[in-house]
Amino acid sequence: MALNPEDGKLEEEIPLASMKDGEPTESHSPAAASLPAPVSASSSKPKPKISTTLIVPIWMAFSVSVILYNNHLYHSLDFKYPVFLVTWHLTFATIGTRVLQRTTNLLDGTKDINMNKDMFLKSILPIALLFSGSLILSNSAYLHLSVSYIQMLKAFNAVAVLLISWASRIAEPSRRLGFIVCMISFGVALTSGGELNFTLIGFTIQAFAVLFEASRLVMIEILLHGMKMDPLVSLHYFAPVCALVNLLILPFTEGLAPFYQLARIGPLILFSNAFVAFFLNVAAVFLVGVGSGLILTLAGVLKDILLISASVAFFTAQVTPLQVVGYSIALAGLVLFKTTGSN
């Protein structure tokens, strides 16, 4: 759901990530997670399969399209209402997952989860609150920073997850992971130093978005440890809660202003935007199902590079040589983190 012009973090980011520009992952542990949701859920019927060579470019196309489409809404169409857009995506996803649940076997994983009031209040609700904050903040950052720079900053997500995991004592520090933390941090620092259109408010918003997202991933490991959910099953449970939370926030942030702009934007733009965001999550399910850890990692890295290139081509974003060097260092650290960090 691009709830994030993200956004998703296989959104890295679950695609709830879609919302956030996520990237799929095979592990549910914060030390190796890049998806906001646990991996695959068991089902009574085998799910349809798509070859890796087909699903990887499909997922990349949806992931890049979600972010560029949201950015187009914010800037080219002057629809600067990220809270409303995230709420709309989540509402669409709430309806979409329930339609798929009744018409396909893609959400058969819900049958294996015994959802009750206690689990909802102690697990689903706190994670949903963090997810809501992450989506709103990450989308708001696009109002102040370029797509390319935000993608570079997202490399720090892995560092934030590790630091919070160590502080929570659910992961043990090691020299290798410490080296990776320093490597990514140094690379991100270089990209920030080379950013020509740096704004403190945008950087601060994105920093808090990273904090919320990392906290959410660690909270998933603590509260939903052992449970298996794929991106769609996670979306099925979290989307309605997040939509309601955002709806309560909307009057105090953007008020009625976005509703006055709906006639200008038109239903075609709104529905196509939500459609692309939602089907990023569908694509992520198939990608997680067929891709190895290495394939998922390389697909995510290539997607980020394509996204930065597209940002330069379509939105005239400027990338300096210092940022290229810094981001290359951060990406190398990110690949090390995703392929060897959990070991």
Foldseek 3Di string as FASTA:
>chain_A
DLLPLAFALLCCYLCCRLVHNHFNFQALALLQRSHLFFAAFDAPDDDDADALVPLLVVLLVLRLCLNVLLLCCVPVVVLPDSLVLSLLLLVVLLVVLVVCVVVHRLQRSVVVDDDDPVLCVPAQQVLLVLVLLLSSLNRNLSNQDFPLLLLLVCLCLSLLLVVVCVVVVVDPDDPLVVVLSVLLVQLNVLQQVQAPRDDPVSVVSSVVSSNSSSVSSNSCCVSVPPRHDHSSNSSNRNSVSSSVVSVVCCCVPPNCVSVVCDVVCDPVSSVVSSVSSNVSSVSSNNNSVHDDLLSSLVSSVVSSVVSSVVSCVPVVGDGDPSSVVSSVSSSVSSSCSNPPSVD
